[in-house]
Amino acid sequence: MYQCCIFDLDGTIINTLHSLKKTVNETIKQFGYGPIDEYHVRYFVGDGYKKLVERTLVYCGDTELTHYEEALTVYDEMFKKYCLYQMEPYAGMPDFLKMLKEKGIRIAVVTNKAHDRAVECVETVYGPGFFDKITGEGKGMKCKPDPEGALKTAEEFHVEPSECLYFGDTNTDMKTGINAGMDTVGVLWGFRDREELEAFKPKYIISHPDEIRSLFNETSENSPASAGE
């Protein structure tokens, strides 16, 4: 039985799409660009805010990234303002997380979102102290898909990587789990599609948290209905 579950943030435990779209569009508006739609935001996020800004500027026509450094500063200012904009947990996730806690399974977040903003988002939706550990970009931690954040979480919890499940909605998350030597769960309620996740052969692919509850029922011998294997 798994002893630890590690979750991505955006597109996995919290729907932050409206927040990210609002922040990006308010940023590029300062340079006469935009707005961009949700489809493009979905595919620009996942590798940290610097990559998000870079991809957005290139898409808008700033191929030389003339405004890049200034845009990073503006984005940071805008994100402080809109970080919590229209955020909400995904259906079934709060109950699933409570079930894990009740069974004594450690739960953590590892995200490429800036650490302070990540803590603010998670604690606003789930409450202070609900997760055993939150790790965001910065604080000397390497960005995903580098496994450092996931591995340090496992080490702090005194569990082996093989005893951890890593949940995420993008190729970056699947790579992170693989690089950490952890079983991965691709979630379909997030920002990317099944085809992207299947390319990395996750242990499971699910459309709702309830589909994987059986893994944590010690008397069950059934695998989740949407298992990727």
Protein backbone atom coordinates (compact mmCIF):
# COMPACT_ATOMS: atom_id res chain seq x y z
CA MET A 1 0.00 0.00 0.00
CA TYR A 2 1.23 3.49 -0.79
CA GLN A 3 2.37 5.58 2.17
CA CYS A 4 2.51 8.98 0.46
CA CYS A 5 0.63 10.81 -2.30
CA ILE A 6 2.27 13.81 -3.96
CA PHE A 7 0.14 16.17 -6.03
CA ASP A 8 0.76 18.81 -8.64
CA LEU A 9 -1.22 22.00 -7.92
CA ASP A 10 -2.58 23.72 -11.05
CA GLY A 11 -4.92 21.43 -12.94
CA THR A 12 -4.66 18.65 -10.36
CA ILE A 13 -5.94 19.69 -6.92
CA ILE A 14 -7.14 23.22 -7.77
CA ASN A 15 -8.64 24.69 -10.93
CA THR A 16 -6.52 27.81 -11.34
CA LEU A 17 -7.16 28.32 -15.06
CA HIS A 18 -9.18 31.52 -14.59
CA SER A 19 -6.50 32.94 -12.30
CA LEU A 20 -3.69 32.16 -14.73
CA LYS A 21 -5.60 33.50 -17.73
CA LYS A 22 -6.47 36.72 -15.90
CA THR A 23 -2.88 37.24 -14.77
CA VAL A 24 -1.39 36.57 -18.21
CA ASN A 25 -3.83 38.83 -20.03
CA GLU A 26 -3.42 41.68 -17.56
CA THR A 27 0.35 41.32 -18.00
CA ILE A 28 0.50 41.37 -21.80
CA LYS A 29 -2.06 44.18 -21.95
CA GLN A 30 0.67 46.42 -20.55
CA PHE A 31 2.63 45.81 -23.77
CA GLY A 32 -0.26 46.17 -26.19
CA TYR A 33 -0.86 42.44 -26.65
CA GLY A 34 -3.70 40.04 -26.06
CA PRO A 35 -5.91 38.74 -24.82
CA ILE A 36 -5.13 35.05 -25.27
CA ASP A 37 -7.73 32.33 -24.79
CA GLU A 38 -7.95 29.48 -22.27
CA TYR A 39 -6.80 26.88 -24.79
CA HIS A 40 -3.39 28.51 -25.16
CA VAL A 41 -3.07 29.18 -21.42
CA ARG A 42 -3.58 25.44 -20.79
CA TYR A 43 -0.58 24.62 -22.94
CA PHE A 44 1.67 27.49 -21.88
CA VAL A 45 1.54 26.65 -18.16
CA GLY A 46 3.22 23.80 -16.31
CA ASP A 47 6.90 24.71 -16.40
CA GLY A 48 6.97 27.74 -14.12
CA TYR A 49 5.96 31.36 -14.62
CA LYS A 50 9.09 32.33 -16.56
CA LYS A 51 8.30 29.79 -19.27
CA LEU A 52 4.66 30.89 -19.21
CA VAL A 53 5.65 34.50 -19.84
CA GLU A 54 8.17 33.50 -22.52
CA ARG A 55 5.69 31.31 -24.42
CA THR A 56 2.99 33.95 -24.22
CA LEU A 57 5.21 36.73 -25.54
CA VAL A 58 6.42 34.61 -28.45
CA TYR A 59 2.83 33.68 -29.29
CA CYS A 60 1.88 37.36 -29.25
CA GLY A 61 4.66 38.19 -31.71
CA ASP A 62 7.53 39.23 -29.45
CA THR A 63 9.79 36.54 -30.87
CA GLU A 64 12.91 38.38 -29.75
CA LEU A 65 11.52 38.58 -26.20
CA THR A 66 12.13 42.31 -26.13
CA HIS A 67 9.70 42.75 -23.24
CA TYR A 68 10.66 39.58 -21.37
CA GLU A 69 12.40 40.98 -18.29
CA GLU A 70 9.86 43.75 -17.81
CA ALA A 71 7.01 41.30 -18.36
CA LEU A 72 8.33 39.04 -15.60
CA THR A 73 8.11 41.95 -13.17
CA VAL A 74 4.63 42.89 -14.33
CA TYR A 75 3.48 39.26 -14.13
CA ASP A 76 4.69 39.00 -10.54
CA GLU A 77 2.74 42.14 -9.63
CA MET A 78 -0.39 40.93 -11.39
CA PHE A 79 -0.19 37.46 -9.89
CA LYS A 80 -0.12 38.87 -6.38
CA LYS A 81 -3.37 40.60 -7.28
CA TYR A 82 -5.11 37.76 -9.14
CA CYS A 83 -3.54 34.66 -7.58
CA LEU A 84 -6.82 33.60 -5.96
CA TYR A 85 -9.10 34.76 -8.79
CA GLN A 86 -12.01 32.30 -9.28
CA MET A 87 -10.06 29.36 -7.84
CA GLU A 88 -11.88 26.20 -6.82
CA PRO A 89 -11.06 22.59 -5.95
CA TYR A 90 -11.83 19.92 -8.52
CA ALA A 91 -14.90 17.74 -7.96
CA GLY A 92 -14.24 14.91 -5.53
CA MET A 93 -10.75 16.05 -4.61
CA PRO A 94 -11.48 17.40 -1.09
CA ASP A 95 -13.21 14.15 -0.07
CA PHE A 96 -10.47 12.04 -1.63
CA LEU A 97 -7.75 13.94 0.22
CA LYS A 98 -9.65 13.65 3.52
CA MET A 99 -9.90 9.90 2.99
CA LEU A 100 -6.14 9.67 2.49
CA LYS A 101 -5.51 11.61 5.68
CA GLU A 102 -7.93 9.41 7.61
CA LYS A 103 -5.97 6.35 6.48
CA GLY A 104 -2.71 7.89 7.69
CA ILE A 105 -1.30 8.49 4.22
CA ARG A 106 0.92 11.55 3.95
CA ILE A 107 -0.15 14.11 1.35
CA ALA A 108 2.02 16.79 -0.23
CA VAL A 109 2.10 19.31 -3.06
CA VAL A 110 5.05 19.77 -5.42
CA THR A 111 4.48 22.52 -7.97
CA ASN A 112 6.31 24.87 -10.31
CA LYS A 113 4.19 27.74 -9.02
CA ALA A 114 6.18 30.24 -6.95
CA HIS A 115 6.40 28.89 -3.40
CA ASP A 116 4.69 31.74 -1.55
CA ARG A 117 1.84 31.86 -4.07
CA ALA A 118 1.50 28.07 -3.94
CA VAL A 119 1.11 28.12 -0.17
CA GLU A 120 -1.43 30.94 -0.44
CA CYS A 121 -3.49 29.05 -3.03
CA VAL A 122 -3.47 25.71 -1.24
CA GLU A 123 -4.20 27.12 2.20
CA THR A 124 -7.01 29.30 0.86
CA VAL A 125 -8.78 26.31 -0.69
CA TYR A 126 -7.91 23.52 1.75
CA GLY A 127 -6.93 25.37 4.91
CA PRO A 128 -3.61 25.85 6.74
CA GLY A 129 -1.91 22.60 7.70
CA PHE A 130 -4.19 20.37 5.62
CA PHE A 131 -1.29 19.16 3.48
CA ASP A 132 1.72 17.73 5.26
CA LYS A 133 4.12 19.60 2.97
CA ILE A 134 3.93 22.19 0.17
CA THR A 135 6.90 22.77 -2.13
CA GLY A 136 6.85 25.50 -4.77
CA GLU A 137 9.35 27.02 -7.17
CA GLY A 138 12.16 28.89 -5.47
CA LYS A 139 13.81 28.31 -2.11
CA GLY A 140 16.69 26.73 -4.04
CA MET A 141 14.46 23.90 -5.29
CA LYS A 142 14.80 22.89 -8.94
CA CYS A 143 11.73 23.07 -11.17
CA LYS A 144 9.93 19.96 -12.33
CA PRO A 145 10.50 17.66 -14.15
CA ASP A 146 13.61 17.57 -11.97
CA PRO A 147 12.63 15.10 -9.21
CA GLU A 148 14.30 17.01 -6.37
CA GLY A 149 11.08 18.31 -4.83
CA ALA A 150 9.36 14.93 -4.95
CA LEU A 151 12.38 13.05 -3.63
CA LYS A 152 12.98 15.47 -0.77
CA THR A 153 9.32 15.11 0.17
CA ALA A 154 9.65 11.33 0.31
CA GLU A 155 12.87 11.63 2.32
CA GLU A 156 11.23 13.98 4.82
CA PHE A 157 8.35 11.52 5.26
CA HIS A 158 10.80 8.60 5.66
CA VAL A 159 9.26 6.65 2.78
CA GLU A 160 10.80 5.15 -0.33
CA PRO A 161 9.96 6.56 -3.77
CA SER A 162 8.35 3.21 -4.57
CA GLU A 163 5.88 3.86 -1.74
CA CYS A 164 4.74 7.15 -3.31
CA LEU A 165 2.11 7.99 -5.91
CA TYR A 166 2.63 11.14 -7.96
CA PHE A 167 -0.50 12.82 -9.37
CA GLY A 168 -0.45 15.35 -12.20
CA ASP A 169 -2.14 16.58 -15.36
CA THR A 170 0.75 17.33 -17.75
CA ASN A 171 3.76 15.72 -19.40
CA THR A 172 5.94 17.65 -16.94
CA ASP A 173 4.25 15.81 -14.07
CA MET A 174 4.57 12.41 -15.70
CA LYS A 175 8.29 13.07 -16.27
CA THR A 176 8.67 14.17 -12.64
CA GLY A 177 7.17 10.96 -11.31
CA ILE A 178 9.26 8.83 -13.65
CA ASN A 179 12.45 10.72 -12.77
CA ALA A 180 11.71 10.23 -9.07
CA GLY A 181 11.09 6.51 -9.44
CA MET A 182 7.48 6.91 -8.32
CA ASP A 183 4.30 5.44 -9.78
CA THR A 184 2.38 8.14 -11.62
CA VAL A 185 -1.30 8.98 -11.92
CA GLY A 186 -2.40 11.05 -14.90
CA VAL A 187 -5.54 13.08 -14.19
CA LEU A 188 -7.89 14.00 -17.03
CA TRP A 189 -9.74 16.84 -15.31
CA GLY A 190 -6.78 19.22 -15.67
CA PHE A 191 -5.19 21.23 -18.45
CA ARG A 192 -4.06 18.53 -20.91
CA ASP A 193 -5.54 15.54 -22.74
CA ARG A 194 -5.30 11.76 -22.46
CA GLU A 195 -2.97 11.43 -25.45
CA GLU A 196 -0.31 13.60 -23.81
CA LEU A 197 -0.45 11.59 -20.59
CA GLU A 198 -0.57 8.17 -22.24
CA ALA A 199 2.69 8.91 -24.06
CA PHE A 200 4.48 8.54 -20.70
CA LYS A 201 2.72 5.31 -19.70
CA PRO A 202 1.51 6.37 -16.24
CA LYS A 203 0.52 3.62 -13.83
CA TYR A 204 -3.04 4.94 -13.83
CA ILE A 205 -5.11 7.44 -15.77
CA ILE A 206 -8.27 8.66 -14.06
CA SER A 207 -11.19 10.99 -14.79
CA HIS A 208 -12.30 11.39 -11.15
CA PRO A 209 -10.54 10.82 -7.80
CA ASP A 210 -13.08 8.13 -6.85
CA GLU A 211 -11.66 5.88 -9.57
CA ILE A 212 -8.51 5.28 -7.56
CA ARG A 213 -10.00 4.92 -4.07
CA SER A 214 -9.77 1.14 -4.28
CA LEU A 215 -5.97 1.36 -4.08
CA PHE A 216 -6.31 2.59 -0.53
CA ASN A 217 -8.80 -0.03 0.60
CA GLU A 218 -6.67 -2.74 2.20
CA THR A 219 -9.36 -5.37 1.60
CA SER A 220 -9.70 -4.62 -2.12
CA GLU A 221 -7.84 -6.52 -4.79
CA ASN A 222 -9.26 -4.44 -7.62
CA SER A 223 -7.32 -1.92 -9.66
CA PRO A 224 -8.93 1.38 -10.63
CA ALA A 225 -11.27 1.10 -13.61
CA SER A 226 -9.28 3.66 -15.58
CA ALA A 227 -5.86 2.17 -14.95
CA GLY A 228 -3.34 2.97 -17.63
CA GLU A 229 -1.98 -0.57 -17.71
